[in-house]
Protein backbone atom coordinates (compact mmCIF):
# COMPACT_ATOMS: atom_id res chain seq x y z
CA MET A 1 64.90 -88.91 -16.92
CA LYS A 2 65.79 -85.64 -15.19
CA LYS A 3 62.74 -83.93 -16.73
CA ARG A 4 60.45 -86.68 -15.51
CA TYR A 5 61.94 -86.46 -11.99
CA LEU A 6 61.50 -82.68 -11.93
CA PHE A 7 57.90 -82.94 -13.12
CA MET A 8 57.03 -85.47 -10.40
CA LEU A 9 58.72 -83.27 -7.79
CA LEU A 10 56.63 -80.26 -8.89
CA ILE A 11 53.44 -82.28 -8.64
CA ILE A 12 54.33 -83.41 -5.10
CA VAL A 13 55.00 -79.79 -4.09
CA ALA A 14 51.66 -78.72 -5.56
CA MET A 15 49.85 -81.46 -3.62
CA ILE A 16 51.55 -80.43 -0.37
CA LEU A 17 50.63 -76.78 -0.93
CA SER A 18 47.07 -77.78 -1.71
CA ALA A 19 46.81 -79.83 1.49
CA CYS A 20 48.14 -76.87 3.51
CA GLY A 21 45.65 -74.51 1.90
CA ASP A 22 42.08 -75.78 1.94
CA SER A 23 41.33 -78.88 3.96
CA THR A 24 38.04 -79.30 2.13
CA SER A 25 39.91 -79.95 -1.12
CA LYS A 26 41.63 -83.11 0.16
CA SER A 27 38.78 -85.29 -1.07
CA ASN A 28 37.52 -83.99 -4.35
CA ASN A 29 35.64 -86.38 -6.62
CA LYS A 30 36.75 -89.56 -4.94
CA ASP A 31 34.28 -91.84 -3.16
CA ASN A 32 34.27 -90.69 0.46
CA GLY A 33 32.59 -93.83 1.66
CA GLY A 34 29.12 -92.54 0.85
CA GLY A 35 29.65 -92.06 -2.85
CA GLU A 36 29.83 -88.26 -2.60
CA LYS A 37 30.90 -86.42 -5.73
CA THR A 38 32.76 -83.14 -5.23
CA LEU A 39 33.77 -80.82 -8.04
CA VAL A 40 36.76 -78.60 -7.24
CA PHE A 41 36.90 -75.57 -9.52
CA GLY A 42 40.23 -73.71 -9.66
CA ARG A 43 40.20 -69.99 -10.41
CA GLY A 44 42.56 -67.02 -10.23
CA ALA A 45 40.76 -64.72 -7.78
CA ASP A 46 38.16 -64.78 -5.04
CA SER A 47 34.61 -63.50 -5.26
CA ILE A 48 34.02 -59.96 -4.05
CA GLN A 49 30.49 -60.53 -2.71
CA LEU A 50 27.82 -63.23 -2.92
CA ASP A 51 24.89 -60.82 -3.17
CA PRO A 52 24.33 -60.85 -6.95
CA SER A 53 22.83 -57.37 -6.94
CA LYS A 54 26.03 -55.80 -5.63
CA VAL A 55 28.70 -57.16 -7.98
CA THR A 56 29.75 -56.98 -11.62
CA ASP A 57 32.83 -59.20 -11.52
CA GLY A 58 32.84 -62.65 -13.09
CA GLU A 59 34.31 -64.40 -10.06
CA SER A 60 31.35 -63.38 -7.91
CA ILE A 61 28.76 -64.03 -10.60
CA TYR A 62 30.09 -67.53 -11.28
CA VAL A 63 29.27 -68.52 -7.70
CA THR A 64 25.96 -66.67 -7.38
CA ASN A 65 24.79 -68.30 -10.62
CA GLN A 66 24.80 -71.60 -8.71
CA ILE A 67 22.89 -70.26 -5.68
CA TYR A 68 20.16 -68.14 -7.24
CA ASP A 69 17.49 -68.44 -9.90
CA THR A 70 16.19 -65.66 -12.08
CA LEU A 71 12.68 -65.28 -13.49
CA VAL A 72 13.95 -66.69 -16.78
CA ARG A 73 17.23 -68.45 -17.61
CA TYR A 74 19.38 -68.77 -20.69
CA VAL A 75 19.31 -72.05 -22.57
CA GLU A 76 22.42 -74.18 -22.31
CA GLU A 77 24.09 -73.08 -25.57
CA ASN A 78 23.21 -69.39 -26.07
CA THR A 79 21.25 -66.41 -24.75
CA GLU A 80 17.79 -67.48 -25.78
CA VAL A 81 15.61 -67.58 -22.67
CA LYS A 82 13.63 -70.41 -21.11
CA PRO A 83 11.35 -70.59 -18.07
CA ALA A 84 12.89 -70.62 -14.60
CA LEU A 85 11.02 -69.11 -11.64
CA ALA A 86 8.53 -67.84 -14.21
CA THR A 87 6.74 -70.51 -16.24
CA GLU A 88 5.29 -68.21 -18.91
CA TRP A 89 4.96 -64.52 -19.73
CA ASN A 90 3.34 -62.06 -22.10
CA VAL A 91 3.73 -58.41 -22.99
CA THR A 92 1.24 -55.82 -24.18
CA ASP A 93 1.37 -54.64 -27.79
CA ASP A 94 2.99 -51.35 -26.77
CA GLY A 95 5.82 -53.23 -25.02
CA LEU A 96 5.15 -51.58 -21.66
CA VAL A 97 3.46 -54.17 -19.42
CA TRP A 98 4.99 -57.60 -18.83
CA THR A 99 3.05 -60.26 -16.91
CA PHE A 100 4.85 -63.31 -15.50
CA GLN A 101 3.23 -66.50 -14.21
CA LEU A 102 5.38 -67.98 -11.44
CA ARG A 103 6.07 -71.50 -10.19
CA ASP A 104 4.05 -72.47 -7.10
CA ASP A 105 6.36 -75.27 -5.90
CA VAL A 106 9.58 -73.44 -5.04
CA LYS A 107 11.24 -72.88 -1.67
CA PHE A 108 14.23 -70.74 -0.78
CA HIS A 109 17.19 -72.52 0.77
CA ASP A 110 16.05 -71.25 4.21
CA GLY A 111 12.77 -73.18 3.83
CA THR A 112 10.49 -70.20 3.11
CA ASP A 113 8.06 -70.34 0.20
CA PHE A 114 8.71 -68.40 -2.99
CA THR A 115 5.76 -66.20 -4.06
CA ALA A 116 5.02 -63.15 -6.16
CA GLU A 117 5.59 -60.89 -3.14
CA ASP A 118 9.21 -62.04 -3.03
CA VAL A 119 9.73 -60.84 -6.60
CA VAL A 120 8.22 -57.47 -5.68
CA TYR A 121 10.46 -57.29 -2.60
CA ASN A 122 13.59 -57.92 -4.68
CA PHE A 123 12.69 -55.30 -7.28
CA GLU A 124 11.96 -52.76 -4.53
CA ARG A 125 15.33 -53.55 -2.96
CA TRP A 126 17.08 -53.17 -6.31
CA THR A 127 15.42 -49.85 -7.08
CA THR A 128 16.39 -48.37 -3.71
CA SER A 129 20.02 -49.51 -3.77
CA ALA A 130 22.66 -47.37 -5.43
CA GLU A 131 24.92 -50.44 -5.16
CA PHE A 132 23.02 -52.41 -7.80
CA THR A 133 25.28 -51.26 -10.61
CA TYR A 134 23.83 -53.62 -13.21
CA TYR A 135 20.35 -52.24 -12.62
CA GLY A 136 21.60 -48.80 -13.58
CA TYR A 137 23.51 -50.20 -16.55
CA MET A 138 20.53 -52.06 -17.98
CA PHE A 139 17.54 -49.92 -16.99
CA GLY A 140 18.92 -46.38 -17.04
CA ALA A 141 18.63 -45.80 -13.30
CA SER A 142 20.50 -42.99 -11.59
CA GLU A 143 20.69 -41.35 -8.17
CA ASP A 144 17.92 -39.00 -9.30
CA ASP A 145 15.77 -41.79 -10.74
CA MET A 146 16.45 -45.07 -8.95
CA GLY A 147 13.74 -46.97 -10.81
CA GLY A 148 14.91 -46.07 -14.29
CA ILE A 149 12.51 -47.32 -16.93
CA ILE A 150 10.71 -49.65 -14.49
CA GLU A 151 7.70 -47.72 -13.21
CA LYS A 152 6.20 -50.35 -10.93
CA VAL A 153 6.29 -54.04 -10.02
CA GLU A 154 3.22 -55.51 -8.39
CA ALA A 155 1.91 -58.90 -7.32
CA THR A 156 -1.34 -59.43 -9.23
CA GLY A 157 -1.82 -62.85 -7.63
CA ASP A 158 0.01 -65.22 -5.31
CA TYR A 159 2.02 -66.45 -8.28
CA GLU A 160 1.65 -63.65 -10.82
CA VAL A 161 3.80 -60.52 -11.19
CA GLN A 162 3.23 -57.53 -13.44
CA ILE A 163 6.09 -55.21 -14.42
CA THR A 164 5.25 -51.86 -15.99
CA LEU A 165 7.87 -49.96 -18.00
CA SER A 166 7.89 -46.28 -18.87
CA GLU A 167 9.16 -47.08 -22.36
CA PRO A 168 9.68 -50.24 -24.43
CA ASN A 169 12.96 -52.03 -23.83
CA ALA A 170 14.05 -54.44 -26.54
CA PRO A 171 16.49 -56.55 -24.45
CA PHE A 172 14.24 -56.60 -21.35
CA LEU A 173 13.57 -60.35 -21.22
CA GLN A 174 17.20 -61.27 -21.92
CA THR A 175 18.27 -58.84 -19.19
CA LEU A 176 16.07 -60.53 -16.58
CA ALA A 177 17.93 -63.78 -17.25
CA MET A 178 21.25 -62.23 -16.20
CA PRO A 179 22.61 -63.73 -12.94
CA PRO A 180 22.70 -60.33 -11.15
CA PHE A 181 18.88 -60.42 -11.22
CA GLY A 182 18.79 -63.53 -9.02
CA ILE A 183 15.87 -63.60 -6.60
CA ALA A 184 17.03 -63.59 -2.96
CA SER A 185 15.17 -64.67 0.17
CA PRO A 186 13.60 -61.61 1.85
CA ASP A 187 13.73 -63.36 5.24
CA ALA A 188 17.48 -63.96 4.89
CA ILE A 189 18.09 -60.36 3.80
CA GLU A 190 16.23 -59.07 6.84
CA GLU A 191 17.99 -61.53 9.16
CA HIS A 192 21.55 -60.84 8.02
CA GLY A 193 21.29 -57.15 7.11
CA ASP A 194 24.66 -55.73 6.06
CA ASN A 195 26.19 -59.21 6.28
CA TYR A 196 23.83 -60.73 3.72
CA PHE A 197 26.56 -60.55 1.07
CA LYS A 198 28.37 -63.42 2.82
CA ASN A 199 25.23 -65.35 3.80
CA PRO A 200 23.44 -65.78 0.43
CA VAL A 201 20.09 -67.55 0.21
CA GLY A 202 18.41 -68.23 -3.12
CA THR A 203 16.39 -70.99 -4.76
CA GLY A 204 19.10 -72.32 -7.08
CA PRO A 205 20.58 -75.79 -7.61
CA PHE A 206 23.27 -75.30 -4.94
CA VAL A 207 23.17 -74.07 -1.34
CA PHE A 208 25.86 -71.87 0.20
CA LYS A 209 27.84 -73.63 2.95
CA GLU A 210 31.12 -71.86 3.67
CA TRP A 211 33.41 -69.04 2.51
CA VAL A 212 37.05 -68.90 3.53
CA PRO A 213 38.21 -65.54 2.06
CA ASP A 214 40.98 -65.76 -0.55
CA ASP A 215 40.86 -69.54 -0.26
CA SER A 216 37.61 -71.32 -1.04
CA ILE A 217 33.82 -71.17 -1.31
CA THR A 218 31.87 -74.37 -0.71
CA LEU A 219 28.35 -75.11 -1.99
CA THR A 220 26.23 -78.22 -1.53
CA LYS A 221 23.53 -79.75 -3.71
CA ASN A 222 19.96 -78.50 -3.26
CA GLU A 223 18.11 -81.81 -2.91
CA ASP A 224 14.74 -80.04 -3.24
CA TYR A 225 15.56 -78.08 -6.38
CA PHE A 226 12.54 -77.58 -8.63
CA GLY A 227 14.63 -78.05 -11.76
CA GLU A 228 17.11 -80.76 -12.60
CA VAL A 229 18.72 -81.79 -9.31
CA ALA A 230 22.51 -81.70 -9.50
CA LYS A 231 24.39 -84.93 -10.19
CA ILE A 232 27.28 -83.78 -8.02
CA ASP A 233 26.97 -83.31 -4.28
CA LYS A 234 29.36 -80.46 -3.63
CA VAL A 235 31.20 -77.66 -5.44
CA ILE A 236 34.35 -76.05 -4.07
CA PHE A 237 35.63 -72.88 -5.75
CA ARG A 238 39.33 -72.68 -4.89
CA VAL A 239 41.51 -69.58 -5.33
CA ILE A 240 44.89 -70.38 -6.91
CA PRO A 241 46.22 -67.05 -8.22
CA ASP A 242 48.99 -68.32 -10.49
CA ASN A 243 47.94 -69.93 -13.79
CA GLY A 244 50.87 -72.32 -13.83
CA ALA A 245 50.34 -73.47 -10.24
CA ARG A 246 46.65 -73.99 -10.97
CA PHE A 247 47.47 -76.16 -13.98
CA MET A 248 49.94 -78.22 -11.91
CA GLU A 249 47.17 -78.89 -9.39
CA LEU A 250 44.92 -80.07 -12.20
CA GLN A 251 47.66 -82.42 -13.40
CA ALA A 252 48.15 -83.63 -9.82
CA GLY A 253 44.43 -84.31 -9.46
CA THR A 254 43.70 -81.91 -6.60
CA ILE A 255 41.26 -79.87 -8.70
CA ASP A 256 38.83 -81.05 -11.38
CA ILE A 257 38.45 -78.08 -13.66
CA MET A 258 40.13 -74.70 -14.06
CA GLU A 259 39.91 -71.44 -15.94
CA GLY A 260 42.70 -68.98 -16.64
CA LEU A 261 44.87 -71.44 -18.53
CA ASN A 262 48.21 -70.20 -19.82
CA PRO A 263 48.03 -70.45 -23.63
CA GLN A 264 51.27 -72.44 -23.69
CA ASP A 265 49.72 -75.12 -21.44
CA ILE A 266 46.92 -75.92 -23.88
CA ALA A 267 49.03 -78.34 -25.95
CA THR A 268 50.19 -80.09 -22.78
CA ALA A 269 46.60 -80.63 -21.69
CA GLU A 270 45.54 -81.79 -25.15
CA GLY A 271 48.33 -84.38 -25.13
CA ASP A 272 47.30 -85.81 -21.76
CA ASP A 273 44.62 -88.52 -21.87
CA ALA A 274 43.65 -87.67 -18.28
CA LEU A 275 42.76 -84.09 -19.25
CA GLN A 276 40.56 -82.24 -21.74
CA ILE A 277 40.36 -78.72 -23.13
CA ILE A 278 36.92 -77.08 -23.23
CA ARG A 279 36.59 -73.82 -25.17
CA ARG A 280 34.03 -71.23 -24.16
CA PRO A 281 32.20 -69.60 -27.10
CA SER A 282 33.50 -66.09 -27.73
CA MET A 283 31.31 -63.21 -26.55
CA ASN A 284 33.82 -60.85 -25.01
CA VAL A 285 36.26 -58.00 -25.59
CA SER A 286 39.45 -56.80 -23.91
CA TYR A 287 40.46 -53.17 -24.26
CA MET A 288 42.60 -50.31 -23.01
CA ALA A 289 40.43 -47.36 -22.02
CA MET A 290 41.75 -43.79 -22.12
CA ASN A 291 40.23 -41.63 -19.40
CA MET A 292 38.80 -38.56 -21.14
CA ASP A 293 37.67 -36.95 -17.86
CA LYS A 294 41.12 -36.18 -16.47
CA GLY A 295 42.04 -33.53 -19.02
CA GLY A 296 45.50 -33.48 -20.58
CA PRO A 297 46.48 -35.69 -23.52
CA MET A 298 43.66 -38.24 -23.16
CA SER A 299 41.01 -35.58 -23.76
CA ASP A 300 42.37 -34.99 -27.30
CA LYS A 301 40.97 -37.23 -30.04
CA LEU A 302 44.17 -36.92 -32.08
CA VAL A 303 46.18 -38.32 -29.17
CA ARG A 304 43.80 -41.24 -28.73
CA GLN A 305 43.94 -42.01 -32.43
CA ALA A 306 47.75 -41.79 -32.33
CA ILE A 307 47.90 -44.29 -29.48
CA ASN A 308 45.75 -46.68 -31.51
CA MET A 309 48.17 -46.33 -34.43
CA ALA A 310 51.26 -46.79 -32.25
CA ILE A 311 50.19 -50.22 -30.99
CA ASN A 312 51.17 -53.23 -33.06
CA LYS A 313 48.14 -55.49 -32.67
CA ASP A 314 49.87 -58.45 -34.33
CA GLU A 315 52.52 -58.49 -31.61
CA LEU A 316 49.94 -57.96 -28.90
CA ILE A 317 47.71 -60.78 -30.13
CA ALA A 318 50.75 -63.08 -30.21
CA LEU A 319 50.62 -62.98 -26.40
CA TYR A 320 47.23 -64.73 -26.62
CA GLU A 321 48.92 -67.71 -28.32
CA GLY A 322 45.98 -68.79 -30.43
CA VAL A 323 43.07 -68.03 -28.08
CA GLY A 324 42.49 -64.42 -29.21
CA LYS A 325 41.58 -62.53 -32.36
CA GLU A 326 42.21 -58.84 -32.96
CA ALA A 327 39.37 -56.53 -31.96
CA LYS A 328 38.40 -53.44 -33.93
CA ASN A 329 34.98 -52.73 -32.39
CA PRO A 330 33.63 -52.74 -28.84
CA ILE A 331 31.31 -55.67 -29.61
CA PRO A 332 32.51 -59.12 -30.72
CA PRO A 333 31.90 -60.37 -34.27
CA SER A 334 29.78 -63.21 -32.85
CA LEU A 335 27.08 -60.66 -31.96
CA TRP A 336 24.45 -59.41 -34.37
CA GLY A 337 24.95 -55.73 -35.20
CA PHE A 338 28.75 -56.05 -35.54
CA ASN A 339 30.09 -53.51 -38.08
CA ASP A 340 32.56 -55.45 -40.19
CA ASP A 341 33.00 -52.54 -42.64
CA ILE A 342 35.04 -50.55 -40.13
CA GLU A 343 38.75 -50.48 -40.93
CA PRO A 344 40.90 -50.90 -37.82
CA TYR A 345 43.59 -48.34 -37.09
CA ALA A 346 46.70 -49.43 -38.99
CA TYR A 347 50.00 -49.77 -37.15
CA ASP A 348 51.87 -46.65 -38.31
CA VAL A 349 54.47 -45.13 -35.99
CA GLU A 350 55.25 -42.15 -38.24
CA LYS A 351 51.60 -41.20 -38.65
CA ALA A 352 51.11 -41.57 -34.90
CA LYS A 353 54.01 -39.15 -34.31
CA ALA A 354 52.49 -36.70 -36.80
CA LEU A 355 49.13 -36.79 -35.00
CA LEU A 356 50.83 -36.23 -31.65
CA ALA A 357 52.71 -33.24 -33.09
CA GLU A 358 49.48 -31.82 -34.50
CA ALA A 359 47.94 -32.14 -31.02
CA GLY A 360 50.88 -30.30 -29.49
CA TYR A 361 52.69 -33.31 -28.07
CA ALA A 362 55.60 -33.69 -30.48
CA ASP A 363 57.92 -34.36 -27.52
CA GLY A 364 55.51 -36.89 -26.05
CA PHE A 365 54.36 -37.07 -22.44
CA ASP A 366 54.31 -39.29 -19.34
CA ILE A 367 51.26 -41.42 -18.62
CA THR A 368 50.18 -44.23 -16.29
CA LEU A 369 48.65 -47.53 -17.43
CA HIS A 370 46.73 -49.47 -14.79
CA THR A 371 46.51 -53.23 -15.15
CA PHE A 372 45.27 -56.14 -13.06
CA SER A 373 47.51 -58.95 -11.85
CA ASN A 374 44.91 -61.71 -12.08
CA PRO A 375 44.39 -63.31 -15.50
CA ARG A 376 40.95 -62.81 -17.04
CA PRO A 377 39.20 -64.88 -19.72
CA TYR A 378 39.57 -61.98 -22.17
CA MET A 379 43.21 -61.24 -21.20
CA PRO A 380 45.22 -64.26 -20.06
CA GLN A 381 48.55 -62.42 -19.59
CA PRO A 382 47.77 -58.81 -18.54
CA LYS A 383 51.22 -57.98 -17.19
CA LEU A 384 52.96 -59.00 -20.43
CA ALA A 385 50.38 -57.07 -22.46
CA ALA A 386 51.01 -53.93 -20.40
CA GLN A 387 54.76 -54.25 -20.82
CA ALA A 388 54.37 -54.73 -24.58
CA ILE A 389 52.20 -51.62 -24.94
CA ALA A 390 54.65 -49.58 -22.84
CA GLU A 391 57.48 -50.56 -25.21
CA MET A 392 55.40 -49.72 -28.28
CA LEU A 393 54.35 -46.30 -27.00
CA LYS A 394 57.96 -45.49 -26.17
CA GLU A 395 58.55 -45.39 -29.94
CA VAL A 396 56.29 -42.32 -30.16
CA ASN A 397 57.81 -40.65 -27.07
CA ILE A 398 55.00 -41.63 -24.70
CA ASN A 399 56.53 -42.84 -21.44
CA VAL A 400 54.26 -45.34 -19.70
CA GLU A 401 54.41 -46.15 -16.01
CA ILE A 402 52.65 -49.45 -15.29
CA THR A 403 50.62 -49.79 -12.10
CA GLU A 404 49.65 -53.38 -11.34
CA SER A 405 46.96 -54.17 -8.74
CA ASP A 406 44.92 -57.10 -7.56
CA TRP A 407 41.51 -57.45 -9.18
CA ASP A 408 39.45 -55.76 -6.43
CA THR A 409 41.78 -52.77 -6.20
CA HIS A 410 41.94 -52.40 -9.96
CA LEU A 411 38.15 -52.37 -10.30
CA ALA A 412 37.80 -49.74 -7.59
CA THR A 413 40.50 -47.59 -9.20
CA VAL A 414 38.98 -47.56 -12.68
CA GLU A 415 35.37 -47.22 -11.53
CA ASN A 416 36.46 -44.14 -9.57
CA GLY A 417 38.24 -42.71 -12.62
CA GLU A 418 41.65 -42.52 -10.95
CA HIS A 419 43.51 -43.87 -14.00
CA ASP A 420 44.98 -42.27 -17.14
CA MET A 421 44.81 -45.46 -19.18
CA ALA A 422 43.57 -48.84 -17.96
CA PHE A 423 43.03 -52.41 -19.08
CA LEU A 424 39.61 -53.95 -18.68
CA GLY A 425 37.33 -56.29 -20.54
CA TRP A 426 33.76 -57.45 -20.73
CA THR A 427 32.00 -60.75 -21.24
CA GLY A 428 28.53 -60.26 -22.67
CA ASP A 429 25.65 -60.84 -20.30
CA ASN A 430 22.63 -61.24 -22.55
CA GLY A 431 23.67 -61.50 -26.19
CA ASP A 432 22.49 -57.99 -27.08
CA PRO A 433 24.74 -55.21 -28.48
CA ASP A 434 23.18 -52.85 -25.93
CA ASN A 435 24.92 -54.81 -23.19
CA PHE A 436 28.30 -53.80 -24.63
CA LEU A 437 27.72 -50.41 -26.20
CA TYR A 438 25.38 -48.83 -23.66
CA VAL A 439 27.01 -50.34 -20.58
CA LEU A 440 30.59 -49.66 -21.60
CA LEU A 441 30.41 -46.46 -23.65
CA ASP A 442 27.27 -44.45 -22.88
CA LYS A 443 27.50 -41.27 -20.84
CA ASP A 444 24.81 -42.64 -18.48
CA ASN A 445 27.38 -45.14 -17.22
CA ALA A 446 30.27 -42.70 -16.79
CA THR A 447 29.49 -42.10 -13.12
CA VAL A 448 32.48 -41.82 -10.79
CA GLY A 449 32.33 -44.64 -8.26
CA SER A 450 30.38 -47.12 -10.37
CA ALA A 451 31.53 -46.47 -13.93
CA GLY A 452 31.03 -49.16 -16.53
CA ASN A 453 32.26 -46.60 -19.03
CA ILE A 454 35.79 -46.23 -17.63
CA ALA A 455 36.88 -44.09 -20.58
CA PHE A 456 34.35 -41.54 -19.25
CA TYR A 457 33.38 -41.02 -22.88
CA LYS A 458 30.38 -38.69 -23.04
CA SER A 459 29.05 -38.35 -26.56
CA ASP A 460 25.53 -36.92 -26.86
CA GLU A 461 25.26 -38.33 -30.39
CA VAL A 462 26.17 -41.84 -29.23
CA HIS A 463 23.78 -41.53 -26.29
CA ASP A 464 20.83 -40.52 -28.48
CA ILE A 465 21.41 -43.41 -30.88
CA LEU A 466 21.80 -45.99 -28.10
CA LYS A 467 18.62 -44.81 -26.36
CA ALA A 468 16.75 -44.98 -29.66
CA ALA A 469 18.00 -48.56 -30.15
CA GLN A 470 16.72 -49.59 -26.73
CA VAL A 471 13.12 -48.64 -27.48
CA GLU A 472 13.13 -49.90 -31.08
CA MET A 473 11.61 -53.39 -31.17
CA ASP A 474 12.50 -54.12 -34.83
CA GLN A 475 15.90 -55.86 -34.85
CA ASP A 476 16.77 -54.79 -38.40
CA LYS A 477 16.28 -51.15 -37.43
CA ARG A 478 18.25 -51.67 -34.25
CA THR A 479 21.08 -53.16 -36.30
CA GLU A 480 21.27 -50.01 -38.44
CA LEU A 481 21.57 -47.89 -35.32
CA TYR A 482 24.35 -50.05 -33.88
CA LEU A 483 26.28 -50.01 -37.15
CA LYS A 484 26.19 -46.22 -37.08
CA VAL A 485 27.21 -45.90 -33.43
CA GLN A 486 30.26 -48.11 -33.95
CA GLU A 487 31.46 -45.74 -36.68
CA ILE A 488 31.24 -42.77 -34.31
CA ILE A 489 33.02 -44.61 -31.50
CA HIS A 490 35.77 -45.74 -33.86
CA GLU A 491 36.38 -42.13 -34.94
CA ASP A 492 36.37 -40.79 -31.36
CA ALA A 493 38.70 -43.61 -30.21
CA PRO A 494 37.98 -43.73 -26.45
CA TRP A 495 39.51 -47.22 -26.40
CA VAL A 496 42.19 -49.31 -27.94
CA PRO A 497 40.12 -52.46 -28.60
CA ILE A 498 42.51 -55.37 -28.12
CA ALA A 499 41.04 -58.86 -28.53
CA HIS A 500 38.10 -61.21 -28.52
CA THR A 501 38.94 -64.59 -27.05
CA THR A 502 37.70 -68.14 -27.02
CA PRO A 503 38.67 -68.76 -23.39
CA PRO A 504 39.95 -72.27 -22.76
CA LEU A 505 39.12 -74.25 -19.65
CA ALA A 506 41.01 -77.41 -18.73
CA ALA A 507 39.38 -80.30 -16.90
CA LYS A 508 39.89 -83.88 -15.94
CA SER A 509 38.56 -86.29 -18.53
CA SER A 510 36.21 -87.59 -15.84
CA VAL A 511 34.21 -84.33 -15.98
CA VAL A 512 31.35 -84.88 -18.45
CA ASP A 513 28.38 -82.89 -19.77
CA PHE A 514 30.02 -79.55 -18.96
CA VAL A 515 28.76 -77.04 -21.54
CA PRO A 516 30.44 -73.63 -21.19
CA HIS A 517 28.11 -70.70 -21.73
CA PRO A 518 29.03 -67.63 -23.85
CA THR A 519 28.17 -65.34 -20.91
CA GLY A 520 31.09 -66.69 -18.90
CA SER A 521 29.25 -68.74 -16.28
CA GLU A 522 26.92 -71.71 -16.21
CA PRO A 523 25.05 -73.63 -13.50
CA PHE A 524 26.75 -76.87 -12.51
CA ASN A 525 23.64 -78.97 -11.96
CA LEU A 526 23.84 -80.50 -15.45
CA LEU A 527 27.45 -81.75 -15.38
CA ASP A 528 28.66 -85.01 -13.88
CA ILE A 529 31.85 -86.74 -12.75
CA LYS A 530 32.49 -90.26 -13.98
CA LYS A 531 33.74 -92.69 -11.37
């Protein structure tokens, strides 16, 4: 009886806190008199920006994926592409010239017509902006060569665009489907200037309405959407930093769906007829990167190998409580090109000590591990994971100081290379190994200030193989190259690969037709809420 009373009291507290927080969340999917359906999505952190070309974080991309369309989109279940703003396309035999036929019935949310010139405008904006990190990641752009492999983009008709590459690029079409390549309204960009990031205008199934920082983002249905018009009228993304508090709000009915579920709450949700667990297909990796650019212990391969051997993966994976599997490679086993022949570093404290002694660190050293406070789909309990690793490394005389930061601060710290060791993870964008290996471990992406490669690992051999794989159009030959590159990376040990997860989401049973996408975000125009 006491447990039941306590549970009801906690729910009441959660409802009061919710009412004090975001007034827009008071009426979620209930009939507001006009039959309006509102989906309230609970998440652990706010978006950073709503300009898709200026962000790499999942919290921003989840929202922009509702507002913008890309030339092509992923199908509902995987990373095969289907038409979106482009209805059809072809490529020349040499793989260099892509021609896209565009829809002629699309308007931006500001009422302006979508044409081929708008696609050209967006590409020109991307290729002149050092802030479009993903463009550099995917197309090899740099400060010295802002266009990368894209030589020119031109309108060859009112509704036809031609893109010319300097070299073939095997994942090119899948890359264009990534949400960061959403097509924005040129008029809105010109109108809002530096403030465009908080006034987004696309052509997607939902229209931006309001952003209350660190609280909520509200979107409304695009009634004139060219695709399948949304079945729900409004989406509210609410920030509830604590996993447990977020789950209590779901139980109380103040939110409809949530991510960042504590593993121990899964059984509770599964035993509640009012709730459901939805598992996202695994296409991710969590890891601890060792910054090779700072000199000192992390620049020595023997030290990095020793750290791998000093970490008990079984104990670490136990913190994932059934939603994670041990990682041994930078790419997940669900991806083609995964090298299953690689033997992971065995947990061996004595051998780790011997390697440290051989490297000249028999007495150990002091080091800092940077972690994020917000749970991520690939790492649900980062603080506990950091504490566990610190205890393990103590056994080999490595003293770890943990620095915990909010998500934005953590990203800035690691992209600037200010860390010794740091947690991070990656959810695949396009289903291609290049999106993991090139983005996260190529020297091209070890640029201070925008690093995707936060180990600052700069192997010429790895670089040459990855560039060869990008221009090779035969997938079997590409697979051979990726198998080889994983062997080199494993030997050099710039990371401690930690886990691949099947991230759980919890939702009310009334949420139907929600199909989670492997890339970590999906448009909400296909789901519905049962009355």
